[in-house]
Amino acid sequence: MSGYIFRMARGAVSWSFKLQATVVLSTTEAEYVVITRAAQQALWMHSFLGEIGLDQPLPTTLYCDNASAIALTLSTKGHQQAKHIDICHHYICECVSDGQITLQHVPSVDNIADVFTKALTKALHINNMKGLYGF
């Protein structure tokens, strides 16, 4: 399972959680694939909000709990795990180099999307639900 959440005004406005359609060989690759999906959604939302008069500044910041996946978005050169990743997933590299998207590391314990993608302890579950609802 992988997914993302977009929040505005302390509430979730867009989310996606599903089994990945692509077979991945590492957690870095799994996070890289979902970052690409999230970037596509972020840029669509940016365009939509602009069309209705709610212009948003670029770059949009995406939070990811995998430092290796973030590093991979900056450059795939020299990364052994990037050799077999489908070219469509490298869209995120273009977004980062164009200045449309920035990525910031968030510790796993603060990653509110984890509530939908993995089993958590009761304390982490409560913490993530509070983060999801902006408490």
N, C-alpha and C. Protein backbone atom coordinates (compact mmCIF):
# COMPACT_ATOMS: atom_id res chain seq x y z
N MET A 1 0.83 -1.18 0.00
CA MET A 1 0.00 0.00 0.00
C MET A 1 0.88 1.25 0.00
N SER A 2 0.44 2.21 -0.74
CA SER A 2 1.11 3.51 -0.71
C SER A 2 0.06 4.59 -0.91
N GLY A 3 0.41 5.80 -0.51
CA GLY A 3 -0.56 6.86 -0.68
C GLY A 3 -0.05 8.21 -0.28
N TYR A 4 -0.93 9.17 -0.44
CA TYR A 4 -0.62 10.55 -0.08
C TYR A 4 -1.90 11.25 0.35
N ILE A 5 -1.69 12.36 1.06
CA ILE A 5 -2.80 13.21 1.53
C ILE A 5 -2.42 14.65 1.23
N PHE A 6 -3.37 15.44 0.74
CA PHE A 6 -3.19 16.88 0.60
C PHE A 6 -4.16 17.55 1.55
N ARG A 7 -3.64 18.52 2.30
CA ARG A 7 -4.46 19.24 3.26
C ARG A 7 -4.47 20.71 2.93
N MET A 8 -5.60 21.34 3.14
CA MET A 8 -5.75 22.79 3.05
C MET A 8 -6.66 23.21 4.19
N ALA A 9 -6.36 24.35 4.79
CA ALA A 9 -7.19 24.88 5.88
C ALA A 9 -7.43 23.82 6.95
N ARG A 10 -6.38 23.09 7.30
CA ARG A 10 -6.40 22.08 8.35
C ARG A 10 -7.28 20.87 8.06
N GLY A 11 -7.67 20.65 6.81
CA GLY A 11 -8.48 19.49 6.49
C GLY A 11 -7.98 18.79 5.24
N ALA A 12 -8.22 17.50 5.16
CA ALA A 12 -7.83 16.73 3.98
C ALA A 12 -8.74 17.09 2.81
N VAL A 13 -8.16 17.42 1.66
CA VAL A 13 -8.94 17.79 0.48
C VAL A 13 -8.72 16.82 -0.68
N SER A 14 -7.65 16.06 -0.63
CA SER A 14 -7.38 15.08 -1.68
C SER A 14 -6.50 13.99 -1.09
N TRP A 15 -6.76 12.75 -1.46
CA TRP A 15 -5.97 11.65 -0.96
C TRP A 15 -6.07 10.47 -1.91
N SER A 16 -5.10 9.58 -1.81
CA SER A 16 -5.10 8.36 -2.60
C SER A 16 -4.31 7.31 -1.85
N PHE A 17 -4.90 6.16 -1.67
CA PHE A 17 -4.24 5.03 -1.01
C PHE A 17 -4.63 3.78 -1.78
N LYS A 18 -3.62 3.10 -2.32
CA LYS A 18 -3.92 1.89 -3.09
C LYS A 18 -2.68 1.03 -3.22
N LEU A 19 -2.91 -0.18 -3.65
CA LEU A 19 -1.79 -1.05 -3.98
C LEU A 19 -1.10 -0.48 -5.20
N GLN A 20 0.21 -0.45 -5.19
CA GLN A 20 0.92 0.09 -6.34
C GLN A 20 0.76 -0.85 -7.53
N ALA A 21 0.54 -0.26 -8.70
CA ALA A 21 0.35 -1.03 -9.92
C ALA A 21 1.66 -1.60 -10.44
N THR A 22 2.77 -0.96 -10.07
CA THR A 22 4.09 -1.38 -10.53
C THR A 22 4.76 -2.22 -9.46
N VAL A 23 5.38 -3.32 -9.85
CA VAL A 23 6.15 -4.13 -8.91
C VAL A 23 7.43 -3.37 -8.58
N VAL A 24 7.71 -3.22 -7.29
CA VAL A 24 8.91 -2.51 -6.87
C VAL A 24 9.81 -3.46 -6.09
N LEU A 25 11.09 -3.13 -6.09
CA LEU A 25 12.07 -4.01 -5.47
C LEU A 25 12.63 -3.46 -4.16
N SER A 26 12.23 -2.24 -3.79
CA SER A 26 12.74 -1.66 -2.55
C SER A 26 11.75 -0.62 -2.03
N THR A 27 11.92 -0.26 -0.77
CA THR A 27 11.07 0.79 -0.21
C THR A 27 11.40 2.14 -0.84
N THR A 28 12.66 2.33 -1.21
CA THR A 28 13.04 3.56 -1.90
C THR A 28 12.26 3.71 -3.20
N GLU A 29 12.20 2.64 -3.96
CA GLU A 29 11.48 2.68 -5.22
C GLU A 29 9.99 2.88 -4.99
N ALA A 30 9.43 2.24 -3.98
CA ALA A 30 8.01 2.40 -3.68
C ALA A 30 7.69 3.85 -3.34
N GLU A 31 8.52 4.48 -2.52
CA GLU A 31 8.31 5.88 -2.16
C GLU A 31 8.50 6.79 -3.38
N TYR A 32 9.46 6.48 -4.22
CA TYR A 32 9.73 7.25 -5.43
C TYR A 32 8.51 7.24 -6.35
N VAL A 33 7.89 6.09 -6.50
CA VAL A 33 6.70 5.95 -7.34
C VAL A 33 5.55 6.79 -6.77
N VAL A 34 5.34 6.73 -5.48
CA VAL A 34 4.23 7.48 -4.88
C VAL A 34 4.52 8.98 -4.87
N ILE A 35 5.79 9.38 -4.76
CA ILE A 35 6.13 10.80 -4.86
C ILE A 35 5.75 11.32 -6.25
N THR A 36 5.99 10.51 -7.27
CA THR A 36 5.63 10.91 -8.63
C THR A 36 4.12 11.09 -8.76
N ARG A 37 3.35 10.15 -8.21
CA ARG A 37 1.89 10.28 -8.25
C ARG A 37 1.43 11.52 -7.50
N ALA A 38 2.05 11.77 -6.34
CA ALA A 38 1.67 12.94 -5.54
C ALA A 38 2.03 14.23 -6.27
N ALA A 39 3.15 14.26 -6.97
CA ALA A 39 3.55 15.46 -7.72
C ALA A 39 2.54 15.75 -8.83
N GLN A 40 2.08 14.71 -9.50
CA GLN A 40 1.08 14.90 -10.55
C GLN A 40 -0.18 15.51 -9.96
N GLN A 41 -0.62 15.00 -8.82
CA GLN A 41 -1.82 15.52 -8.16
C GLN A 41 -1.60 16.95 -7.68
N ALA A 42 -0.42 17.22 -7.11
CA ALA A 42 -0.13 18.57 -6.61
C ALA A 42 -0.17 19.60 -7.73
N LEU A 43 0.40 19.28 -8.86
CA LEU A 43 0.41 20.23 -9.97
C LEU A 43 -0.97 20.39 -10.59
N TRP A 44 -1.77 19.32 -10.61
CA TRP A 44 -3.15 19.44 -11.08
C TRP A 44 -3.93 20.36 -10.13
N MET A 45 -3.75 20.15 -8.83
CA MET A 45 -4.46 20.99 -7.85
C MET A 45 -4.01 22.44 -7.96
N HIS A 46 -2.74 22.66 -8.19
CA HIS A 46 -2.21 24.02 -8.37
C HIS A 46 -2.90 24.70 -9.54
N SER A 47 -3.02 23.98 -10.65
CA SER A 47 -3.67 24.51 -11.84
C SER A 47 -5.16 24.78 -11.58
N PHE A 48 -5.84 23.84 -10.95
CA PHE A 48 -7.26 23.97 -10.66
C PHE A 48 -7.53 25.17 -9.75
N LEU A 49 -6.74 25.29 -8.68
CA LEU A 49 -6.93 26.41 -7.76
C LEU A 49 -6.68 27.74 -8.45
N GLY A 50 -5.72 27.78 -9.37
CA GLY A 50 -5.48 28.99 -10.15
C GLY A 50 -6.67 29.35 -11.02
N GLU A 51 -7.29 28.34 -11.61
CA GLU A 51 -8.45 28.57 -12.48
C GLU A 51 -9.64 29.15 -11.72
N ILE A 52 -9.76 28.83 -10.45
CA ILE A 52 -10.90 29.35 -9.68
C ILE A 52 -10.50 30.57 -8.83
N GLY A 53 -9.33 31.14 -9.14
CA GLY A 53 -8.91 32.37 -8.50
C GLY A 53 -8.21 32.23 -7.16
N LEU A 54 -7.77 31.04 -6.84
CA LEU A 54 -7.05 30.80 -5.57
C LEU A 54 -5.60 30.44 -5.89
N ASP A 55 -4.90 31.37 -6.54
CA ASP A 55 -3.52 31.11 -6.94
C ASP A 55 -2.67 30.70 -5.75
N GLN A 56 -1.84 29.70 -5.96
CA GLN A 56 -0.94 29.18 -4.94
C GLN A 56 0.49 29.37 -5.41
N PRO A 57 1.39 29.69 -4.51
CA PRO A 57 2.79 29.87 -4.91
C PRO A 57 3.46 28.53 -5.22
N LEU A 58 4.41 28.59 -6.14
CA LEU A 58 5.26 27.43 -6.39
C LEU A 58 6.61 27.72 -5.76
N PRO A 59 7.35 26.75 -5.33
CA PRO A 59 7.09 25.33 -5.48
C PRO A 59 6.15 24.80 -4.39
N THR A 60 5.50 23.71 -4.71
CA THR A 60 4.69 22.98 -3.74
C THR A 60 5.64 22.05 -3.00
N THR A 61 5.51 21.99 -1.69
CA THR A 61 6.37 21.11 -0.90
C THR A 61 5.64 19.80 -0.63
N LEU A 62 6.29 18.70 -0.97
CA LEU A 62 5.80 17.37 -0.64
C LEU A 62 6.66 16.82 0.48
N TYR A 63 6.06 16.14 1.42
CA TYR A 63 6.79 15.55 2.54
C TYR A 63 6.89 14.05 2.33
N CYS A 64 8.09 13.54 2.57
CA CYS A 64 8.35 12.11 2.35
C CYS A 64 9.21 11.61 3.50
N ASP A 65 8.94 10.39 3.96
CA ASP A 65 9.71 9.85 5.08
C ASP A 65 10.87 8.96 4.63
N ASN A 66 11.22 8.99 3.33
CA ASN A 66 12.31 8.17 2.83
C ASN A 66 13.38 9.07 2.20
N ALA A 67 14.48 9.25 2.92
CA ALA A 67 15.55 10.15 2.46
C ALA A 67 16.17 9.66 1.15
N SER A 68 16.25 8.36 0.94
CA SER A 68 16.82 7.83 -0.31
C SER A 68 15.95 8.17 -1.50
N ALA A 69 14.64 8.13 -1.33
CA ALA A 69 13.73 8.49 -2.43
C ALA A 69 13.85 9.97 -2.75
N ILE A 70 14.01 10.80 -1.72
CA ILE A 70 14.20 12.23 -1.95
C ILE A 70 15.49 12.46 -2.72
N ALA A 71 16.57 11.79 -2.34
CA ALA A 71 17.85 11.93 -3.03
C ALA A 71 17.73 11.48 -4.49
N LEU A 72 16.96 10.45 -4.72
CA LEU A 72 16.77 9.94 -6.07
C LEU A 72 16.06 10.95 -6.96
N THR A 73 15.19 11.79 -6.39
CA THR A 73 14.50 12.79 -7.19
C THR A 73 15.44 13.89 -7.66
N LEU A 74 16.52 14.10 -6.94
CA LEU A 74 17.47 15.14 -7.31
C LEU A 74 18.36 14.70 -8.47
N SER A 75 18.68 13.42 -8.54
CA SER A 75 19.47 12.89 -9.64
C SER A 75 19.43 11.37 -9.61
N THR A 76 19.12 10.77 -10.75
CA THR A 76 19.10 9.31 -10.83
C THR A 76 20.44 8.76 -11.29
N LYS A 77 21.39 9.62 -11.63
CA LYS A 77 22.70 9.18 -12.09
C LYS A 77 23.46 8.53 -10.95
N GLY A 78 24.01 7.38 -11.22
CA GLY A 78 24.80 6.68 -10.23
C GLY A 78 24.00 5.90 -9.21
N HIS A 79 22.70 5.93 -9.29
CA HIS A 79 21.86 5.17 -8.35
C HIS A 79 21.52 3.82 -8.97
N GLN A 80 22.03 2.77 -8.38
CA GLN A 80 21.78 1.42 -8.90
C GLN A 80 20.29 1.07 -8.91
N GLN A 81 19.55 1.52 -7.90
CA GLN A 81 18.14 1.16 -7.81
C GLN A 81 17.28 1.87 -8.85
N ALA A 82 17.83 2.85 -9.56
CA ALA A 82 17.05 3.60 -10.54
C ALA A 82 17.10 2.99 -11.94
N LYS A 83 17.96 2.03 -12.16
CA LYS A 83 18.15 1.48 -13.50
C LYS A 83 16.89 0.86 -14.09
N HIS A 84 16.11 0.21 -13.30
CA HIS A 84 14.95 -0.52 -13.81
C HIS A 84 13.62 0.22 -13.62
N ILE A 85 13.64 1.40 -13.04
CA ILE A 85 12.39 2.15 -12.80
C ILE A 85 11.87 2.67 -14.14
N ASP A 86 10.59 2.45 -14.39
CA ASP A 86 9.98 2.91 -15.63
C ASP A 86 10.16 4.41 -15.79
N ILE A 87 10.37 4.84 -17.01
CA ILE A 87 10.62 6.24 -17.32
C ILE A 87 9.48 7.14 -16.86
N CYS A 88 8.25 6.65 -16.85
CA CYS A 88 7.12 7.49 -16.43
C CYS A 88 7.24 7.92 -14.98
N HIS A 89 7.98 7.18 -14.17
CA HIS A 89 8.12 7.54 -12.77
C HIS A 89 9.19 8.62 -12.56
N HIS A 90 9.97 8.93 -13.59
CA HIS A 90 11.00 9.96 -13.46
C HIS A 90 10.43 11.37 -13.66
N TYR A 91 9.13 11.48 -13.84
CA TYR A 91 8.46 12.78 -13.95
C TYR A 91 8.78 13.66 -12.75
N ILE A 92 8.92 13.06 -11.59
CA ILE A 92 9.21 13.82 -10.38
C ILE A 92 10.54 14.55 -10.49
N CYS A 93 11.52 13.95 -11.14
CA CYS A 93 12.83 14.61 -11.30
C CYS A 93 12.68 15.89 -12.10
N GLU A 94 11.85 15.84 -13.13
CA GLU A 94 11.58 17.02 -13.95
C GLU A 94 10.90 18.11 -13.12
N CYS A 95 9.94 17.74 -12.31
CA CYS A 95 9.22 18.70 -11.47
C CYS A 95 10.16 19.37 -10.48
N VAL A 96 11.08 18.60 -9.91
CA VAL A 96 12.03 19.15 -8.94
C VAL A 96 13.01 20.08 -9.64
N SER A 97 13.56 19.64 -10.79
CA SER A 97 14.54 20.48 -11.48
C SER A 97 13.91 21.75 -12.05
N ASP A 98 12.62 21.71 -12.39
CA ASP A 98 11.92 22.90 -12.89
C ASP A 98 11.48 23.85 -11.77
N GLY A 99 11.64 23.43 -10.52
CA GLY A 99 11.26 24.28 -9.40
C GLY A 99 9.77 24.27 -9.10
N GLN A 100 9.04 23.29 -9.62
CA GLN A 100 7.61 23.21 -9.34
C GLN A 100 7.33 22.49 -8.03
N ILE A 101 8.20 21.57 -7.68
CA ILE A 101 8.02 20.73 -6.49
C ILE A 101 9.31 20.76 -5.68
N THR A 102 9.19 20.86 -4.37
CA THR A 102 10.32 20.61 -3.48
C THR A 102 9.93 19.46 -2.57
N LEU A 103 10.91 18.76 -2.10
CA LEU A 103 10.67 17.63 -1.21
C LEU A 103 11.33 17.90 0.12
N GLN A 104 10.65 17.53 1.17
CA GLN A 104 11.18 17.72 2.51
C GLN A 104 11.00 16.42 3.27
N HIS A 105 12.04 16.03 3.99
CA HIS A 105 11.97 14.80 4.77
C HIS A 105 11.09 15.02 6.00
N VAL A 106 10.26 14.06 6.28
CA VAL A 106 9.44 14.07 7.49
C VAL A 106 9.70 12.72 8.19
N PRO A 107 9.97 12.73 9.49
CA PRO A 107 10.19 11.46 10.20
C PRO A 107 8.97 10.56 10.07
N SER A 108 9.21 9.27 10.01
CA SER A 108 8.11 8.31 9.86
C SER A 108 7.04 8.47 10.93
N VAL A 109 7.45 8.81 12.15
CA VAL A 109 6.46 8.95 13.23
C VAL A 109 5.53 10.13 12.99
N ASP A 110 5.91 11.07 12.13
CA ASP A 110 5.07 12.23 11.84
C ASP A 110 4.40 12.15 10.47
N ASN A 111 4.54 11.04 9.78
CA ASN A 111 3.97 10.88 8.44
C ASN A 111 2.51 10.45 8.57
N ILE A 112 1.59 11.41 8.45
CA ILE A 112 0.17 11.11 8.71
C ILE A 112 -0.43 10.16 7.70
N ALA A 113 0.18 10.02 6.52
CA ALA A 113 -0.34 9.09 5.51
C ALA A 113 -0.17 7.64 5.95
N ASP A 114 0.75 7.38 6.89
CA ASP A 114 0.98 6.01 7.35
C ASP A 114 -0.25 5.38 7.98
N VAL A 115 -1.17 6.20 8.48
CA VAL A 115 -2.37 5.66 9.10
C VAL A 115 -3.18 4.82 8.11
N PHE A 116 -3.04 5.10 6.81
CA PHE A 116 -3.78 4.37 5.79
C PHE A 116 -2.99 3.23 5.15
N THR A 117 -1.68 3.20 5.36
CA THR A 117 -0.86 2.27 4.59
C THR A 117 -0.18 1.18 5.40
N LYS A 118 -0.20 1.28 6.74
CA LYS A 118 0.47 0.24 7.52
C LYS A 118 -0.12 0.14 8.91
N ALA A 119 0.19 -0.96 9.56
CA ALA A 119 -0.25 -1.16 10.94
C ALA A 119 0.59 -0.27 11.85
N LEU A 120 -0.07 0.41 12.77
CA LEU A 120 0.61 1.31 13.69
C LEU A 120 0.27 0.97 15.12
N THR A 121 1.12 1.40 16.02
CA THR A 121 0.78 1.27 17.43
C THR A 121 -0.39 2.21 17.73
N LYS A 122 -1.05 1.99 18.84
CA LYS A 122 -2.19 2.84 19.20
C LYS A 122 -1.77 4.31 19.30
N ALA A 123 -0.62 4.56 19.93
CA ALA A 123 -0.16 5.95 20.11
C ALA A 123 0.12 6.61 18.76
N LEU A 124 0.79 5.90 17.84
CA LEU A 124 1.06 6.46 16.51
C LEU A 124 -0.23 6.67 15.73
N HIS A 125 -1.16 5.74 15.86
CA HIS A 125 -2.44 5.87 15.17
C HIS A 125 -3.16 7.14 15.64
N ILE A 126 -3.23 7.35 16.92
CA ILE A 126 -3.89 8.54 17.47
C ILE A 126 -3.17 9.80 17.02
N ASN A 127 -1.84 9.79 17.08
CA ASN A 127 -1.05 10.95 16.65
C ASN A 127 -1.31 11.27 15.17
N ASN A 128 -1.33 10.25 14.33
CA ASN A 128 -1.57 10.46 12.90
C ASN A 128 -2.99 10.94 12.62
N MET A 129 -3.96 10.43 13.34
CA MET A 129 -5.33 10.90 13.16
C MET A 129 -5.47 12.36 13.57
N LYS A 130 -4.79 12.75 14.64
CA LYS A 130 -4.80 14.15 15.04
C LYS A 130 -4.19 15.02 13.96
N GLY A 131 -3.08 14.54 13.36
CA GLY A 131 -2.45 15.28 12.27
C GLY A 131 -3.33 15.36 11.03
N LEU A 132 -4.06 14.30 10.77
CA LEU A 132 -4.95 14.26 9.62
C LEU A 132 -6.06 15.28 9.74
N TYR A 133 -6.58 15.42 10.94
CA TYR A 133 -7.69 16.34 11.16
C TYR A 133 -7.25 17.71 11.66
N GLY A 134 -5.93 17.94 11.72
CA GLY A 134 -5.42 19.26 12.05
C GLY A 134 -5.51 19.63 13.51
N PHE A 135 -5.51 18.65 14.40
CA PHE A 135 -5.58 18.95 15.84
C PHE A 135 -4.18 19.11 16.39
